Amino acid sequence: MKHTKSGKSDIIINTLNPYEHGMQRYLSLSKDIERLVDNAEDNNDACIPIELFAEFMTLQEELYQKAAKKKREETN
């Protein structure tokens, strides 16, 4: 997940249960993107379909919001 690694993904992975709704799809998309990037011919290769990337980013934002809310609730 090195290409899809971000601060948001760290919070998501460290806060949410891997079996929580959407997590398995998020991890699967991350692996798919990682595989596509690893198989790219060079840095300019358009190797990730926009639909796949859009789904990943949308799901990441949804899960990040859920994880942030859970963190806030745990803090209070």
N, C-alpha and C. Protein backbone atom coordinates (compact mmCIF):
# COMPACT_ATOMS: atom_id res chain seq x y z
N MET A 1 0.82 -1.19 0.00
CA MET A 1 0.00 0.00 0.00
C MET A 1 0.86 1.25 0.00
N LYS A 2 2.08 1.15 -0.45
CA LYS A 2 2.98 2.30 -0.38
C LYS A 2 2.54 3.46 -1.26
N HIS A 3 1.93 3.19 -2.42
CA HIS A 3 1.48 4.27 -3.29
C HIS A 3 0.16 4.89 -2.83
N THR A 4 -0.60 4.15 -2.05
CA THR A 4 -1.88 4.66 -1.55
C THR A 4 -1.76 5.06 -0.09
N LYS A 5 -0.57 5.05 0.44
CA LYS A 5 -0.32 5.39 1.84
C LYS A 5 -0.46 6.89 2.02
N SER A 6 -1.21 7.27 3.03
CA SER A 6 -1.38 8.69 3.35
C SER A 6 -1.73 8.80 4.82
N GLY A 7 -1.78 10.01 5.31
CA GLY A 7 -2.20 10.23 6.69
C GLY A 7 -3.61 9.72 6.91
N LYS A 8 -4.46 9.92 5.93
CA LYS A 8 -5.83 9.43 6.04
C LYS A 8 -5.87 7.91 6.12
N SER A 9 -5.09 7.25 5.29
CA SER A 9 -5.12 5.79 5.31
C SER A 9 -4.58 5.26 6.64
N ASP A 10 -3.59 5.93 7.22
CA ASP A 10 -3.09 5.52 8.54
C ASP A 10 -4.19 5.59 9.59
N ILE A 11 -4.92 6.70 9.59
CA ILE A 11 -6.00 6.88 10.56
C ILE A 11 -7.09 5.83 10.34
N ILE A 12 -7.44 5.60 9.09
CA ILE A 12 -8.48 4.62 8.77
C ILE A 12 -8.08 3.23 9.25
N ILE A 13 -6.89 2.82 8.89
CA ILE A 13 -6.43 1.46 9.20
C ILE A 13 -6.23 1.27 10.70
N ASN A 14 -5.75 2.29 11.38
CA ASN A 14 -5.48 2.17 12.82
C ASN A 14 -6.71 2.38 13.69
N THR A 15 -7.79 2.91 13.13
CA THR A 15 -8.97 3.22 13.93
C THR A 15 -10.12 2.26 13.68
N LEU A 16 -10.34 1.92 12.43
CA LEU A 16 -11.51 1.11 12.10
C LEU A 16 -11.19 -0.38 12.08
N ASN A 17 -12.19 -1.16 12.39
CA ASN A 17 -12.10 -2.61 12.35
C ASN A 17 -11.99 -3.05 10.89
N PRO A 18 -11.11 -4.00 10.58
CA PRO A 18 -10.95 -4.45 9.19
C PRO A 18 -12.23 -5.03 8.59
N TYR A 19 -13.18 -5.42 9.45
CA TYR A 19 -14.42 -6.01 8.95
C TYR A 19 -15.57 -5.00 8.94
N GLU A 20 -15.27 -3.75 9.27
CA GLU A 20 -16.28 -2.69 9.23
C GLU A 20 -16.70 -2.47 7.77
N HIS A 21 -17.95 -2.06 7.61
CA HIS A 21 -18.49 -1.85 6.26
C HIS A 21 -17.58 -0.95 5.43
N GLY A 22 -17.17 -1.42 4.28
CA GLY A 22 -16.34 -0.65 3.36
C GLY A 22 -14.85 -0.91 3.49
N MET A 23 -14.41 -1.44 4.61
CA MET A 23 -12.97 -1.63 4.82
C MET A 23 -12.37 -2.66 3.87
N GLN A 24 -13.05 -3.77 3.66
CA GLN A 24 -12.52 -4.79 2.77
C GLN A 24 -12.40 -4.26 1.34
N ARG A 25 -13.38 -3.49 0.91
CA ARG A 25 -13.34 -2.90 -0.43
C ARG A 25 -12.20 -1.89 -0.52
N TYR A 26 -12.02 -1.09 0.52
CA TYR A 26 -10.94 -0.10 0.57
C TYR A 26 -9.58 -0.78 0.45
N LEU A 27 -9.38 -1.83 1.22
CA LEU A 27 -8.11 -2.55 1.17
C LEU A 27 -7.91 -3.23 -0.18
N SER A 28 -8.98 -3.76 -0.75
CA SER A 28 -8.90 -4.39 -2.06
C SER A 28 -8.55 -3.37 -3.15
N LEU A 29 -9.20 -2.22 -3.11
CA LEU A 29 -8.88 -1.16 -4.09
C LEU A 29 -7.44 -0.71 -3.94
N SER A 30 -6.99 -0.59 -2.72
CA SER A 30 -5.61 -0.18 -2.47
C SER A 30 -4.62 -1.17 -3.09
N LYS A 31 -4.90 -2.45 -2.90
CA LYS A 31 -4.03 -3.49 -3.49
C LYS A 31 -4.07 -3.45 -5.01
N ASP A 32 -5.27 -3.24 -5.57
CA ASP A 32 -5.40 -3.16 -7.03
C ASP A 32 -4.60 -1.98 -7.59
N ILE A 33 -4.71 -0.83 -6.94
CA ILE A 33 -3.97 0.35 -7.39
C ILE A 33 -2.47 0.11 -7.27
N GLU A 34 -2.06 -0.48 -6.17
CA GLU A 34 -0.64 -0.78 -5.95
C GLU A 34 -0.11 -1.70 -7.06
N ARG A 35 -0.89 -2.72 -7.40
CA ARG A 35 -0.48 -3.66 -8.46
C ARG A 35 -0.37 -2.95 -9.80
N LEU A 36 -1.36 -2.11 -10.11
CA LEU A 36 -1.34 -1.38 -11.38
C LEU A 36 -0.14 -0.43 -11.47
N VAL A 37 0.15 0.26 -10.39
CA VAL A 37 1.29 1.19 -10.38
C VAL A 37 2.61 0.41 -10.51
N ASP A 38 2.70 -0.71 -9.81
CA ASP A 38 3.92 -1.52 -9.91
C ASP A 38 4.15 -2.05 -11.32
N ASN A 39 3.07 -2.28 -12.06
CA ASN A 39 3.19 -2.82 -13.41
C ASN A 39 3.27 -1.73 -14.48
N ALA A 40 3.25 -0.48 -14.07
CA ALA A 40 3.33 0.63 -15.04
C ALA A 40 4.69 0.62 -15.73
N GLU A 41 4.68 1.03 -16.98
CA GLU A 41 5.92 1.05 -17.76
C GLU A 41 6.86 2.15 -17.29
N ASP A 42 6.31 3.31 -16.94
CA ASP A 42 7.12 4.41 -16.43
C ASP A 42 6.22 5.36 -15.64
N ASN A 43 6.77 6.47 -15.18
CA ASN A 43 6.01 7.41 -14.36
C ASN A 43 4.89 8.11 -15.12
N ASN A 44 4.95 8.11 -16.43
CA ASN A 44 3.93 8.78 -17.24
C ASN A 44 2.84 7.83 -17.75
N ASP A 45 2.94 6.56 -17.38
CA ASP A 45 1.96 5.57 -17.82
C ASP A 45 0.64 5.80 -17.09
N ALA A 46 -0.42 5.98 -17.84
CA ALA A 46 -1.76 6.16 -17.26
C ALA A 46 -2.31 4.78 -16.92
N CYS A 47 -1.84 4.23 -15.83
CA CYS A 47 -2.09 2.83 -15.52
C CYS A 47 -3.32 2.59 -14.64
N ILE A 48 -3.88 3.63 -14.05
CA ILE A 48 -5.02 3.46 -13.15
C ILE A 48 -6.27 4.05 -13.81
N PRO A 49 -7.27 3.22 -14.05
CA PRO A 49 -8.51 3.76 -14.61
C PRO A 49 -9.11 4.80 -13.65
N ILE A 50 -9.60 5.87 -14.21
CA ILE A 50 -10.12 6.98 -13.41
C ILE A 50 -11.27 6.52 -12.51
N GLU A 51 -12.07 5.58 -12.99
CA GLU A 51 -13.19 5.09 -12.19
C GLU A 51 -12.70 4.40 -10.92
N LEU A 52 -11.63 3.62 -11.05
CA LEU A 52 -11.04 2.92 -9.91
C LEU A 52 -10.48 3.92 -8.91
N PHE A 53 -9.77 4.90 -9.41
CA PHE A 53 -9.18 5.92 -8.54
C PHE A 53 -10.28 6.73 -7.85
N ALA A 54 -11.32 7.08 -8.59
CA ALA A 54 -12.42 7.86 -8.01
C ALA A 54 -13.13 7.07 -6.91
N GLU A 55 -13.37 5.79 -7.15
CA GLU A 55 -14.00 4.96 -6.12
C GLU A 55 -13.12 4.88 -4.88
N PHE A 56 -11.82 4.71 -5.08
CA PHE A 56 -10.89 4.64 -3.96
C PHE A 56 -10.91 5.93 -3.14
N MET A 57 -10.83 7.07 -3.82
CA MET A 57 -10.79 8.36 -3.12
C MET A 57 -12.11 8.64 -2.40
N THR A 58 -13.23 8.30 -3.01
CA THR A 58 -14.53 8.50 -2.38
C THR A 58 -14.66 7.64 -1.13
N LEU A 59 -14.30 6.38 -1.27
CA LEU A 59 -14.37 5.46 -0.14
C LEU A 59 -13.40 5.88 0.96
N GLN A 60 -12.21 6.33 0.58
CA GLN A 60 -11.24 6.79 1.56
C GLN A 60 -11.81 7.96 2.37
N GLU A 61 -12.44 8.89 1.71
CA GLU A 61 -13.01 10.05 2.41
C GLU A 61 -14.13 9.63 3.36
N GLU A 62 -15.00 8.72 2.90
CA GLU A 62 -16.08 8.24 3.76
C GLU A 62 -15.53 7.54 5.00
N LEU A 63 -14.56 6.67 4.80
CA LEU A 63 -13.97 5.94 5.92
C LEU A 63 -13.18 6.86 6.84
N TYR A 64 -12.53 7.86 6.27
CA TYR A 64 -11.79 8.82 7.08
C TYR A 64 -12.74 9.60 7.99
N GLN A 65 -13.87 10.02 7.44
CA GLN A 65 -14.86 10.73 8.26
C GLN A 65 -15.37 9.84 9.39
N LYS A 66 -15.61 8.57 9.09
CA LYS A 66 -16.08 7.62 10.10
C LYS A 66 -15.00 7.41 11.17
N ALA A 67 -13.76 7.29 10.74
CA ALA A 67 -12.65 7.08 11.69
C ALA A 67 -12.43 8.33 12.55
N ALA A 68 -12.52 9.50 11.96
CA ALA A 68 -12.34 10.75 12.72
C ALA A 68 -13.44 10.89 13.76
N LYS A 69 -14.67 10.55 13.38
CA LYS A 69 -15.78 10.62 14.32
C LYS A 69 -15.57 9.64 15.48
N LYS A 70 -15.12 8.44 15.15
CA LYS A 70 -14.87 7.44 16.20
C LYS A 70 -13.77 7.90 17.14
N LYS A 71 -12.72 8.51 16.61
CA LYS A 71 -11.63 9.04 17.44
C LYS A 71 -12.13 10.14 18.37
N ARG A 72 -12.96 11.04 17.84
CA ARG A 72 -13.52 12.12 18.67
C ARG A 72 -14.37 11.56 19.79
N GLU A 73 -15.19 10.55 19.48
CA GLU A 73 -16.04 9.93 20.50
C GLU A 73 -15.21 9.24 21.57
N GLU A 74 -14.12 8.60 21.18
CA GLU A 74 -13.23 7.92 22.15
C GLU A 74 -12.53 8.94 23.04
N THR A 75 -12.23 10.10 22.49
CA THR A 75 -11.55 11.15 23.24
C THR A 75 -12.46 11.76 24.29
N ASN A 76 -13.74 11.87 23.97
CA ASN A 76 -14.71 12.48 24.91
C ASN A 76 -15.19 11.52 25.89
